[in-house]
PDB file of N, CA and C in Angstrom:
ATOM      1  N   MET A   1     -11.979  21.993  17.847  1.00  0.00           N
ATOM      2  CA  MET A   1     -11.628  21.455  16.550  1.00  0.00           C
ATOM      3  C   MET A   1     -11.771  19.944  16.579  1.00  0.00           C
ATOM      4  N   GLY A   2     -12.500  19.434  15.639  1.00  0.00           N
ATOM      5  CA  GLY A   2     -12.716  17.996  15.571  1.00  0.00           C
ATOM      6  C   GLY A   2     -11.650  17.315  14.736  1.00  0.00           C
ATOM      7  N   ARG A   3     -11.431  16.094  15.049  1.00  0.00           N
ATOM      8  CA  ARG A   3     -10.487  15.284  14.276  1.00  0.00           C
ATOM      9  C   ARG A   3     -11.276  14.237  13.525  1.00  0.00           C
ATOM     10  N   PHE A   4     -10.779  13.886  12.365  1.00  0.00           N
ATOM     11  CA  PHE A   4     -11.398  12.821  11.605  1.00  0.00           C
ATOM     12  C   PHE A   4     -10.985  11.490  12.198  1.00  0.00           C
ATOM     13  N   ASN A   5     -11.946  10.618  12.328  1.00  0.00           N
ATOM     14  CA  ASN A   5     -11.645   9.284  12.839  1.00  0.00           C
ATOM     15  C   ASN A   5     -11.525   8.347  11.646  1.00  0.00           C
ATOM     16  N   VAL A   6     -10.295   8.110  11.223  1.00  0.00           N
ATOM     17  CA  VAL A   6     -10.030   7.285  10.053  1.00  0.00           C
ATOM     18  C   VAL A   6      -9.191   6.094  10.497  1.00  0.00           C
ATOM     19  N   SER A   7      -9.591   4.907  10.051  1.00  0.00           N
ATOM     20  CA  SER A   7      -8.817   3.720  10.404  1.00  0.00           C
ATOM     21  C   SER A   7      -7.469   3.767   9.680  1.00  0.00           C
ATOM     22  N   MET A   8      -6.520   3.016  10.187  1.00  0.00           N
ATOM     23  CA  MET A   8      -5.197   2.957   9.564  1.00  0.00           C
ATOM     24  C   MET A   8      -5.311   2.431   8.139  1.00  0.00           C
ATOM     25  N   PHE A   9      -6.216   1.480   7.924  1.00  0.00           N
ATOM     26  CA  PHE A   9      -6.431   0.934   6.593  1.00  0.00           C
ATOM     27  C   PHE A   9      -6.863   2.033   5.627  1.00  0.00           C
ATOM     28  N   GLU A  10      -7.836   2.829   6.021  1.00  0.00           N
ATOM     29  CA  GLU A  10      -8.323   3.921   5.168  1.00  0.00           C
ATOM     30  C   GLU A  10      -7.247   4.988   4.974  1.00  0.00           C
ATOM     31  N   TYR A  11      -6.505   5.268   6.028  1.00  0.00           N
ATOM     32  CA  TYR A  11      -5.429   6.256   5.939  1.00  0.00           C
ATOM     33  C   TYR A  11      -4.372   5.816   4.918  1.00  0.00           C
ATOM     34  N   CYS A  12      -4.001   4.546   4.958  1.00  0.00           N
ATOM     35  CA  CYS A  12      -3.004   4.015   4.020  1.00  0.00           C
ATOM     36  C   CYS A  12      -3.505   4.133   2.586  1.00  0.00           C
ATOM     37  N   LYS A  13      -4.782   3.877   2.377  1.00  0.00           N
ATOM     38  CA  LYS A  13      -5.357   4.006   1.037  1.00  0.00           C
ATOM     39  C   LYS A  13      -5.291   5.452   0.547  1.00  0.00           C
ATOM     40  N   ILE A  14      -5.610   6.390   1.423  1.00  0.00           N
ATOM     41  CA  ILE A  14      -5.591   7.811   1.061  1.00  0.00           C
ATOM     42  C   ILE A  14      -4.182   8.239   0.663  1.00  0.00           C
ATOM     43  N   VAL A  15      -3.202   7.852   1.467  1.00  0.00           N
ATOM     44  CA  VAL A  15      -1.815   8.230   1.203  1.00  0.00           C
ATOM     45  C   VAL A  15      -1.335   7.630  -0.119  1.00  0.00           C
ATOM     46  N   LEU A  16      -1.639   6.372  -0.357  1.00  0.00           N
ATOM     47  CA  LEU A  16      -1.198   5.716  -1.587  1.00  0.00           C
ATOM     48  C   LEU A  16      -1.836   6.360  -2.818  1.00  0.00           C
ATOM     49  N   GLU A  17      -3.084   6.755  -2.698  1.00  0.00           N
ATOM     50  CA  GLU A  17      -3.761   7.463  -3.800  1.00  0.00           C
ATOM     51  C   GLU A  17      -3.005   8.737  -4.148  1.00  0.00           C
ATOM     52  N   LYS A  18      -2.607   9.471  -3.126  1.00  0.00           N
ATOM     53  CA  LYS A  18      -1.943  10.760  -3.347  1.00  0.00           C
ATOM     54  C   LYS A  18      -0.530  10.616  -3.901  1.00  0.00           C
ATOM     55  N   LEU A  19       0.105   9.480  -3.679  1.00  0.00           N
ATOM     56  CA  LEU A  19       1.481   9.292  -4.126  1.00  0.00           C
ATOM     57  C   LEU A  19       1.604   8.411  -5.363  1.00  0.00           C
ATOM     58  N   SER A  20       0.495   8.097  -5.988  1.00  0.00           N
ATOM     59  CA  SER A  20       0.531   7.192  -7.130  1.00  0.00           C
ATOM     60  C   SER A  20       1.185   7.813  -8.369  1.00  0.00           C
ATOM     61  N   PHE A  21       1.453   9.099  -8.347  1.00  0.00           N
ATOM     62  CA  PHE A  21       2.077   9.764  -9.497  1.00  0.00           C
ATOM     63  C   PHE A  21       3.571   9.462  -9.595  1.00  0.00           C
ATOM     64  N   ASN A  22       4.172   9.018  -8.490  1.00  0.00           N
ATOM     65  CA  ASN A  22       5.615   8.806  -8.452  1.00  0.00           C
ATOM     66  C   ASN A  22       5.903   7.365  -8.032  1.00  0.00           C
ATOM     67  N   ARG A  23       6.548   6.624  -8.903  1.00  0.00           N
ATOM     68  CA  ARG A  23       6.793   5.199  -8.658  1.00  0.00           C
ATOM     69  C   ARG A  23       7.597   4.946  -7.384  1.00  0.00           C
ATOM     70  N   LEU A  24       8.635   5.726  -7.145  1.00  0.00           N
ATOM     71  CA  LEU A  24       9.474   5.501  -5.970  1.00  0.00           C
ATOM     72  C   LEU A  24       8.732   5.806  -4.671  1.00  0.00           C
ATOM     73  N   LEU A  25       7.986   6.920  -4.659  1.00  0.00           N
ATOM     74  CA  LEU A  25       7.208   7.249  -3.468  1.00  0.00           C
ATOM     75  C   LEU A  25       6.096   6.225  -3.247  1.00  0.00           C
ATOM     76  N   PHE A  26       5.491   5.791  -4.342  1.00  0.00           N
ATOM     77  CA  PHE A  26       4.441   4.784  -4.266  1.00  0.00           C
ATOM     78  C   PHE A  26       4.989   3.505  -3.623  1.00  0.00           C
ATOM     79  N   LYS A  27       6.134   3.065  -4.102  1.00  0.00           N
ATOM     80  CA  LYS A  27       6.753   1.839  -3.591  1.00  0.00           C
ATOM     81  C   LYS A  27       7.076   1.967  -2.099  1.00  0.00           C
ATOM     82  N   LYS A  28       7.668   3.086  -1.727  1.00  0.00           N
ATOM     83  CA  LYS A  28       8.044   3.320  -0.336  1.00  0.00           C
ATOM     84  C   LYS A  28       6.805   3.336   0.566  1.00  0.00           C
ATOM     85  N   GLU A  29       5.774   4.028   0.132  1.00  0.00           N
ATOM     86  CA  GLU A  29       4.568   4.152   0.937  1.00  0.00           C
ATOM     87  C   GLU A  29       3.788   2.833   0.991  1.00  0.00           C
ATOM     88  N   TYR A  30       3.804   2.086  -0.098  1.00  0.00           N
ATOM     89  CA  TYR A  30       3.139   0.780  -0.114  1.00  0.00           C
ATOM     90  C   TYR A  30       3.786  -0.149   0.913  1.00  0.00           C
ATOM     91  N   ARG A  31       5.091  -0.190   0.926  1.00  0.00           N
ATOM     92  CA  ARG A  31       5.816  -1.028   1.890  1.00  0.00           C
ATOM     93  C   ARG A  31       5.538  -0.579   3.327  1.00  0.00           C
ATOM     94  N   LYS A  32       5.586   0.726   3.541  1.00  0.00           N
ATOM     95  CA  LYS A  32       5.342   1.260   4.873  1.00  0.00           C
ATOM     96  C   LYS A  32       3.924   0.924   5.338  1.00  0.00           C
ATOM     97  N   SER A  33       2.983   1.027   4.431  1.00  0.00           N
ATOM     98  CA  SER A  33       1.592   0.719   4.771  1.00  0.00           C
ATOM     99  C   SER A  33       1.439  -0.731   5.209  1.00  0.00           C
ATOM    100  N   LEU A  34       2.110  -1.631   4.521  1.00  0.00           N
ATOM    101  CA  LEU A  34       2.031  -3.042   4.904  1.00  0.00           C
ATOM    102  C   LEU A  34       2.622  -3.282   6.288  1.00  0.00           C
ATOM    103  N   ARG A  35       3.630  -2.523   6.645  1.00  0.00           N
ATOM    104  CA  ARG A  35       4.206  -2.660   7.991  1.00  0.00           C
ATOM    105  C   ARG A  35       3.250  -2.107   9.049  1.00  0.00           C
ATOM    106  N   PHE A  36       2.602  -0.991   8.743  1.00  0.00           N
ATOM    107  CA  PHE A  36       1.711  -0.364   9.715  1.00  0.00           C
ATOM    108  C   PHE A  36       0.422  -1.152   9.928  1.00  0.00           C
ATOM    109  N   LEU A  37      -0.032  -1.838   8.897  1.00  0.00           N
ATOM    110  CA  LEU A  37      -1.239  -2.652   9.031  1.00  0.00           C
ATOM    111  C   LEU A  37      -0.868  -3.950   9.736  1.00  0.00           C
ATOM    112  N   GLU A  38      -1.175  -4.034  10.991  1.00  0.00           N
ATOM    113  CA  GLU A  38      -0.733  -5.170  11.799  1.00  0.00           C
ATOM    114  C   GLU A  38      -1.556  -6.429  11.551  1.00  0.00           C
ATOM    115  N   ASP A  39      -2.820  -6.270  11.238  1.00  0.00           N
ATOM    116  CA  ASP A  39      -3.697  -7.415  11.026  1.00  0.00           C
ATOM    117  C   ASP A  39      -3.433  -8.025   9.648  1.00  0.00           C
ATOM    118  N   PRO A  40      -3.095  -9.310   9.580  1.00  0.00           N
ATOM    119  CA  PRO A  40      -2.839  -9.953   8.284  1.00  0.00           C
ATOM    120  C   PRO A  40      -4.021  -9.837   7.319  1.00  0.00           C
ATOM    121  N   GLU A  41      -5.232  -9.829   7.856  1.00  0.00           N
ATOM    122  CA  GLU A  41      -6.414  -9.672   7.009  1.00  0.00           C
ATOM    123  C   GLU A  41      -6.441  -8.285   6.367  1.00  0.00           C
ATOM    124  N   ASP A  42      -6.058  -7.259   7.127  1.00  0.00           N
ATOM    125  CA  ASP A  42      -5.978  -5.901   6.573  1.00  0.00           C
ATOM    126  C   ASP A  42      -4.886  -5.813   5.509  1.00  0.00           C
ATOM    127  N   GLN A  43      -3.773  -6.488   5.744  1.00  0.00           N
ATOM    128  CA  GLN A  43      -2.696  -6.498   4.752  1.00  0.00           C
ATOM    129  C   GLN A  43      -3.175  -7.117   3.442  1.00  0.00           C
ATOM    130  N   THR A  44      -3.902  -8.212   3.548  1.00  0.00           N
ATOM    131  CA  THR A  44      -4.431  -8.877   2.353  1.00  0.00           C
ATOM    132  C   THR A  44      -5.442  -7.981   1.644  1.00  0.00           C
ATOM    133  N   ARG A  45      -6.341  -7.374   2.420  1.00  0.00           N
ATOM    134  CA  ARG A  45      -7.318  -6.458   1.834  1.00  0.00           C
ATOM    135  C   ARG A  45      -6.627  -5.279   1.141  1.00  0.00           C
ATOM    136  N   PHE A  46      -5.556  -4.772   1.754  1.00  0.00           N
ATOM    137  CA  PHE A  46      -4.829  -3.639   1.199  1.00  0.00           C
ATOM    138  C   PHE A  46      -4.143  -4.024  -0.112  1.00  0.00           C
ATOM    139  N   ARG A  47      -3.500  -5.183  -0.135  1.00  0.00           N
ATOM    140  CA  ARG A  47      -2.863  -5.664  -1.371  1.00  0.00           C
ATOM    141  C   ARG A  47      -3.890  -5.812  -2.487  1.00  0.00           C
ATOM    142  N   ARG A  48      -5.026  -6.425  -2.156  1.00  0.00           N
ATOM    143  CA  ARG A  48      -6.094  -6.637  -3.145  1.00  0.00           C
ATOM    144  C   ARG A  48      -6.626  -5.292  -3.655  1.00  0.00           C
ATOM    145  N   TRP A  49      -6.851  -4.354  -2.729  1.00  0.00           N
ATOM    146  CA  TRP A  49      -7.336  -3.030  -3.111  1.00  0.00           C
ATOM    147  C   TRP A  49      -6.331  -2.335  -4.036  1.00  0.00           C
ATOM    148  N   ALA A  50      -5.052  -2.396  -3.706  1.00  0.00           N
ATOM    149  CA  ALA A  50      -4.024  -1.718  -4.511  1.00  0.00           C
ATOM    150  C   ALA A  50      -3.981  -2.288  -5.930  1.00  0.00           C
ATOM    151  N   ARG A  51      -4.077  -3.602  -6.040  1.00  0.00           N
ATOM    152  CA  ARG A  51      -4.068  -4.217  -7.384  1.00  0.00           C
ATOM    153  C   ARG A  51      -5.303  -3.809  -8.186  1.00  0.00           C
ATOM    154  N   GLN A  52      -6.447  -3.775  -7.534  1.00  0.00           N
ATOM    155  CA  GLN A  52      -7.667  -3.382  -8.240  1.00  0.00           C
ATOM    156  C   GLN A  52      -7.633  -1.906  -8.613  1.00  0.00           C
ATOM    157  N   ARG A  53      -7.170  -1.085  -7.700  1.00  0.00           N
ATOM    158  CA  ARG A  53      -7.195   0.361  -7.920  1.00  0.00           C
ATOM    159  C   ARG A  53      -6.134   0.820  -8.917  1.00  0.00           C
ATOM    160  N   PHE A  54      -4.939   0.304  -8.825  1.00  0.00           N
ATOM    161  CA  PHE A  54      -3.838   0.833  -9.626  1.00  0.00           C
ATOM    162  C   PHE A  54      -3.462  -0.044 -10.815  1.00  0.00           C
ATOM    163  N   GLY A  55      -4.094  -1.162 -10.990  1.00  0.00           N
ATOM    164  CA  GLY A  55      -3.787  -2.029 -12.107  1.00  0.00           C
ATOM    165  C   GLY A  55      -4.773  -1.874 -13.258  1.00  0.00           C
ATOM    166  N   ARG A  56      -5.535  -0.814 -13.275  1.00  0.00           N
ATOM    167  CA  ARG A  56      -6.604  -0.626 -14.264  1.00  0.00           C
ATOM    168  C   ARG A  56      -6.109  -0.292 -15.655  1.00  0.00           C
ATOM    169  N   THR A  57      -5.283   0.705 -15.778  1.00  0.00           N
ATOM    170  CA  THR A  57      -4.893   1.164 -17.108  1.00  0.00           C
ATOM    171  C   THR A  57      -3.621   0.478 -17.561  1.00  0.00           C
ATOM    172  N   ALA A  58      -3.542   0.198 -18.835  1.00  0.00           N
ATOM    173  CA  ALA A  58      -2.388  -0.518 -19.389  1.00  0.00           C
ATOM    174  C   ALA A  58      -1.091   0.263 -19.198  1.00  0.00           C
ATOM    175  N   ALA A  59      -1.153   1.570 -19.295  1.00  0.00           N
ATOM    176  CA  ALA A  59       0.055   2.391 -19.170  1.00  0.00           C
ATOM    177  C   ALA A  59       0.638   2.305 -17.761  1.00  0.00           C
ATOM    178  N   ARG A  60      -0.223   2.261 -16.755  1.00  0.00           N
ATOM    179  CA  ARG A  60       0.246   2.234 -15.378  1.00  0.00           C
ATOM    180  C   ARG A  60       0.410   0.819 -14.855  1.00  0.00           C
ATOM    181  N   ARG A  61      -0.243  -0.140 -15.487  1.00  0.00           N
ATOM    182  CA  ARG A  61      -0.264  -1.509 -14.972  1.00  0.00           C
ATOM    183  C   ARG A  61       1.131  -2.091 -14.813  1.00  0.00           C
ATOM    184  N   THR A  62       1.975  -1.964 -15.812  1.00  0.00           N
ATOM    185  CA  THR A  62       3.314  -2.553 -15.759  1.00  0.00           C
ATOM    186  C   THR A  62       4.123  -1.959 -14.621  1.00  0.00           C
ATOM    187  N   ASP A  63       4.105  -0.657 -14.508  1.00  0.00           N
ATOM    188  CA  ASP A  63       4.860   0.027 -13.465  1.00  0.00           C
ATOM    189  C   ASP A  63       4.373  -0.346 -12.070  1.00  0.00           C
ATOM    190  N   VAL A  64       3.089  -0.208 -11.842  1.00  0.00           N
ATOM    191  CA  VAL A  64       2.535  -0.463 -10.522  1.00  0.00           C
ATOM    192  C   VAL A  64       2.586  -1.943 -10.178  1.00  0.00           C
ATOM    193  N   ASN A  65       2.238  -2.792 -11.117  1.00  0.00           N
ATOM    194  CA  ASN A  65       2.281  -4.224 -10.824  1.00  0.00           C
ATOM    195  C   ASN A  65       3.694  -4.710 -10.542  1.00  0.00           C
ATOM    196  N   SER A  66       4.685  -4.112 -11.185  1.00  0.00           N
ATOM    197  CA  SER A  66       6.065  -4.498 -10.880  1.00  0.00           C
ATOM    198  C   SER A  66       6.411  -4.124  -9.443  1.00  0.00           C
ATOM    199  N   VAL A  67       5.928  -2.989  -8.980  1.00  0.00           N
ATOM    200  CA  VAL A  67       6.146  -2.580  -7.595  1.00  0.00           C
ATOM    201  C   VAL A  67       5.410  -3.520  -6.651  1.00  0.00           C
ATOM    202  N   LEU A  68       4.147  -3.798  -6.962  1.00  0.00           N
ATOM    203  CA  LEU A  68       3.351  -4.667  -6.103  1.00  0.00           C
ATOM    204  C   LEU A  68       3.920  -6.080  -6.058  1.00  0.00           C
ATOM    205  N   ASP A  69       4.315  -6.606  -7.214  1.00  0.00           N
ATOM    206  CA  ASP A  69       4.877  -7.954  -7.269  1.00  0.00           C
ATOM    207  C   ASP A  69       6.175  -8.052  -6.479  1.00  0.00           C
ATOM    208  N   ALA A  70       7.041  -7.077  -6.651  1.00  0.00           N
ATOM    209  CA  ALA A  70       8.329  -7.093  -5.961  1.00  0.00           C
ATOM    210  C   ALA A  70       8.140  -6.970  -4.457  1.00  0.00           C
ATOM    211  N   THR A  71       7.200  -6.153  -4.047  1.00  0.00           N
ATOM    212  CA  THR A  71       6.965  -5.948  -2.623  1.00  0.00           C
ATOM    213  C   THR A  71       6.277  -7.142  -1.998  1.00  0.00           C
ATOM    214  N   ASP A  72       5.287  -7.702  -2.698  1.00  0.00           N
ATOM    215  CA  ASP A  72       4.558  -8.845  -2.156  1.00  0.00           C
ATOM    216  C   ASP A  72       5.421 -10.094  -2.078  1.00  0.00           C
ATOM    217  N   ALA A  73       6.445 -10.171  -2.897  1.00  0.00           N
ATOM    218  CA  ALA A  73       7.332 -11.330  -2.882  1.00  0.00           C
ATOM    219  C   ALA A  73       8.155 -11.385  -1.605  1.00  0.00           C
ATOM    220  N   LYS A  74       8.382 -10.219  -1.010  1.00  0.00           N
ATOM    221  CA  LYS A  74       9.128 -10.148   0.240  1.00  0.00           C
ATOM    222  C   LYS A  74       8.140 -10.150   1.402  1.00  0.00           C
ATOM    223  N   SER A  75       8.616 -10.479   2.557  1.00  0.00           N
ATOM    224  CA  SER A  75       7.750 -10.499   3.729  1.00  0.00           C
ATOM    225  C   SER A  75       7.831  -9.158   4.438  1.00  0.00           C
ATOM    226  N   TYR A  76       6.717  -8.445   4.473  1.00  0.00           N
ATOM    227  CA  TYR A  76       6.646  -7.177   5.185  1.00  0.00           C
ATOM    228  C   TYR A  76       5.637  -7.295   6.292  1.00  0.00           C
ATOM    229  N   SER A  77       5.974  -8.075   7.275  1.00  0.00           N
ATOM    230  CA  SER A  77       5.090  -8.257   8.420  1.00  0.00           C
ATOM    231  C   SER A  77       5.523  -7.300   9.520  1.00  0.00           C
ATOM    232  N   PRO A  78       4.613  -6.994  10.446  1.00  0.00           N
ATOM    233  CA  PRO A  78       4.977  -6.097  11.549  1.00  0.00           C
ATOM    234  C   PRO A  78       6.157  -6.622  12.351  1.00  0.00           C
ATOM    235  N   LYS A  79       6.342  -7.929  12.377  1.00  0.00           N
ATOM    236  CA  LYS A  79       7.443  -8.508  13.150  1.00  0.00           C
ATOM    237  C   LYS A  79       8.803  -8.151  12.562  1.00  0.00           C
ATOM    238  N   SER A  80       8.849  -7.948  11.224  1.00  0.00           N
ATOM    239  CA  SER A  80      10.134  -7.639  10.590  1.00  0.00           C
ATOM    240  C   SER A  80      10.431  -6.144  10.609  1.00  0.00           C
ATOM    241  N   TYR A  81       9.538  -5.378  11.187  1.00  0.00           N
ATOM    242  CA  TYR A  81       9.714  -3.927  11.222  1.00  0.00           C
ATOM    243  C   TYR A  81      10.284  -3.529  12.574  1.00  0.00           C
ATOM    244  N   SER A  82      11.443  -2.965  12.563  1.00  0.00           N
ATOM    245  CA  SER A  82      12.047  -2.541  13.820  1.00  0.00           C
ATOM    246  C   SER A  82      11.912  -1.040  13.950  1.00  0.00           C
ATOM    247  N   ARG A  83      11.514  -0.618  15.102  1.00  0.00           N
ATOM    248  CA  ARG A  83      11.303   0.830  15.352  1.00  0.00           C
ATOM    249  C   ARG A  83      12.444   1.415  16.099  1.00  0.00           C
TER     250      ARG A  83
END
């Protein structure tokens, strides 16, 4: 049985796509994804991708952007994540 070789960045995108129907799950998974993405460049790319992907429609823009804005305002670096 083969396994798919997916980068953490791509995996985070897939998960966020699947949870975009629920604001609370979306918020939780978005924050978790930022913690798992250790490279600051990947974190920036992920934030940019999320805004482009989920900020498209007016109905969803307010909800999703409020989550993104609130999360981006706080520092979610790997250093602040305790395991």
